[in-house]
């Protein structure tokens, strides 16, 4: 149960691979569930099947937002920077940074390193 609750937590950090796979797989599962609910609702002719589809979409959106905030934490940015993904052209830069930029080595203000690597002695952020 803790693993499912962790999907909706905005605390901590996640690495690039975790972010990519959760974004991809969470989206695929959400789309699959929504399609299945809509198809069953269409076959049965009951419009109330739209309500679970909306619930799945909202839950998937919150999970995606939480994983994005954790990834922003990993690269040393505050969580509210996810709003910057709404700015045209800058969203491309930030999206690529989330996918390809290495996270902070060692612990930062948002938590411990998700890869578990301690910062080298004498390491200053930005030297690598």
Protein backbone atom coordinates (compact mmCIF):
# COMPACT_ATOMS: atom_id res chain seq x y z
CA UNK A 1 0.00 0.00 0.00
CA UNK A 2 2.91 2.35 0.71
CA UNK A 3 4.10 2.01 -2.89
CA UNK A 4 0.75 3.27 -4.21
CA UNK A 5 0.71 6.15 -1.73
CA UNK A 6 4.27 7.02 -2.76
CA UNK A 7 2.94 7.76 -6.27
CA UNK A 8 0.95 10.68 -4.85
CA UNK A 9 3.64 12.06 -2.52
CA UNK A 10 5.29 15.38 -3.39
CA UNK A 11 8.24 14.81 -1.02
CA UNK A 12 11.64 13.45 -1.97
CA UNK A 13 13.54 12.89 -5.19
CA UNK A 14 13.51 10.49 -8.15
CA UNK A 15 16.18 9.83 -10.75
CA UNK A 16 15.91 10.08 -14.55
CA UNK A 17 15.03 6.43 -15.16
CA UNK A 18 12.35 6.41 -12.46
CA UNK A 19 10.84 9.59 -13.92
CA UNK A 20 10.86 8.29 -17.51
CA UNK A 21 9.40 4.87 -16.75
CA UNK A 22 6.76 6.16 -14.35
CA UNK A 23 5.69 8.85 -16.80
CA UNK A 24 5.50 6.34 -19.65
CA UNK A 25 3.89 3.45 -17.78
CA UNK A 26 1.50 5.53 -15.66
CA UNK A 27 0.28 7.25 -18.81
CA UNK A 28 -0.15 3.95 -20.65
CA UNK A 29 -2.07 2.38 -17.75
CA UNK A 30 -4.29 5.46 -17.36
CA UNK A 31 -5.10 5.57 -21.08
CA UNK A 32 -5.81 1.83 -21.07
CA UNK A 33 -8.14 2.10 -18.08
CA UNK A 34 -9.95 5.11 -19.49
CA UNK A 35 -10.43 3.39 -22.86
CA UNK A 36 -11.71 0.22 -21.18
CA UNK A 37 -14.17 2.19 -19.05
CA UNK A 38 -15.41 4.21 -22.04
CA UNK A 39 -15.79 1.09 -24.20
CA UNK A 40 -17.72 -0.77 -21.50
CA UNK A 41 -19.89 2.32 -20.95
CA UNK A 42 -20.54 2.60 -24.69
CA UNK A 43 -21.46 -1.08 -25.01
CA UNK A 44 -23.81 -0.93 -22.04
CA UNK A 45 -25.15 2.47 -23.07
CA UNK A 46 -24.76 3.85 -19.56
CA UNK A 47 -23.30 7.40 -19.36
CA UNK A 48 -22.42 6.90 -15.68
CA UNK A 49 -19.31 5.03 -16.82
CA UNK A 50 -17.81 8.43 -17.61
CA UNK A 51 -17.44 9.15 -13.88
CA UNK A 52 -14.82 6.44 -13.22
CA UNK A 53 -12.97 7.58 -16.36
CA UNK A 54 -12.79 11.10 -14.96
CA UNK A 55 -11.58 9.71 -11.62
CA UNK A 56 -8.83 7.72 -13.32
CA UNK A 57 -7.79 10.78 -15.33
CA UNK A 58 -7.60 12.97 -12.22
CA UNK A 59 -5.63 10.33 -10.27
CA UNK A 60 -3.20 9.90 -13.18
CA UNK A 61 -2.77 13.68 -13.40
CA UNK A 62 -1.96 13.98 -9.70
CA UNK A 63 0.49 11.06 -9.90
CA UNK A 64 2.19 12.64 -12.92
CA UNK A 65 2.41 15.99 -11.14
CA UNK A 66 3.92 14.33 -8.05
CA UNK A 67 6.58 12.47 -10.06
CA UNK A 68 7.44 15.69 -11.94
CA UNK A 69 7.83 17.61 -8.66
CA UNK A 70 10.12 14.87 -7.31
CA UNK A 71 12.23 15.01 -10.47
CA UNK A 72 12.46 18.79 -10.16
CA UNK A 73 13.65 18.25 -6.59
CA UNK A 74 16.34 15.89 -7.88
CA UNK A 75 17.80 18.56 -10.17
CA UNK A 76 17.70 21.12 -7.35
CA UNK A 77 14.59 23.07 -8.36
CA UNK A 78 11.57 23.76 -6.18
CA UNK A 79 8.36 21.90 -6.95
CA UNK A 80 6.45 24.98 -8.07
CA UNK A 81 8.66 25.11 -11.17
CA UNK A 82 6.29 22.61 -12.77
CA UNK A 83 4.20 25.66 -13.69
CA UNK A 84 7.05 26.62 -16.03
CA UNK A 85 6.10 23.62 -18.15
CA UNK A 86 3.09 25.68 -19.28
CA UNK A 87 5.29 28.36 -20.92
CA UNK A 88 5.76 27.71 -24.67
CA UNK A 89 9.32 26.96 -25.82
CA UNK A 90 10.67 27.03 -22.25
CA UNK A 91 8.65 23.88 -21.60
CA UNK A 92 10.75 22.09 -24.23
CA UNK A 93 13.96 23.02 -22.44
CA UNK A 94 12.60 22.09 -19.02
CA UNK A 95 11.08 18.84 -20.29
CA UNK A 96 14.40 17.80 -21.82
CA UNK A 97 16.19 18.79 -18.61
CA UNK A 98 13.86 16.55 -16.62
CA UNK A 99 14.65 13.64 -18.93
CA UNK A 100 18.39 14.07 -19.43
CA UNK A 101 19.94 16.27 -16.73
CA UNK A 102 21.81 14.48 -13.98
CA UNK A 103 20.38 15.02 -10.53
CA UNK A 104 22.30 16.60 -7.69
CA UNK A 105 24.99 14.28 -6.39
CA UNK A 106 24.51 13.48 -2.73
CA UNK A 107 21.76 14.89 -0.54
CA UNK A 108 20.22 18.27 -1.32
CA UNK A 109 17.56 20.36 0.41
CA UNK A 110 14.80 18.05 -0.90
CA UNK A 111 16.16 14.72 0.29
CA UNK A 112 18.79 12.08 -0.16
CA UNK A 113 20.23 11.07 -3.51
CA UNK A 114 17.88 8.49 -5.11
CA UNK A 115 20.91 6.67 -6.51
CA UNK A 116 22.43 6.48 -3.05
CA UNK A 117 25.75 7.97 -4.10
CA UNK A 118 27.39 10.23 -1.53
CA UNK A 119 28.90 13.50 -2.68
CA UNK A 120 32.67 13.19 -3.15
CA UNK A 121 34.89 14.97 -0.67
CA UNK A 122 35.46 18.52 -1.87
CA UNK A 123 32.61 18.31 -4.39
CA UNK A 124 30.97 21.59 -5.28
CA UNK A 125 27.66 21.54 -7.21
CA UNK A 126 28.30 22.33 -10.87
CA UNK A 127 31.88 20.99 -11.02
CA UNK A 128 30.91 17.83 -12.88
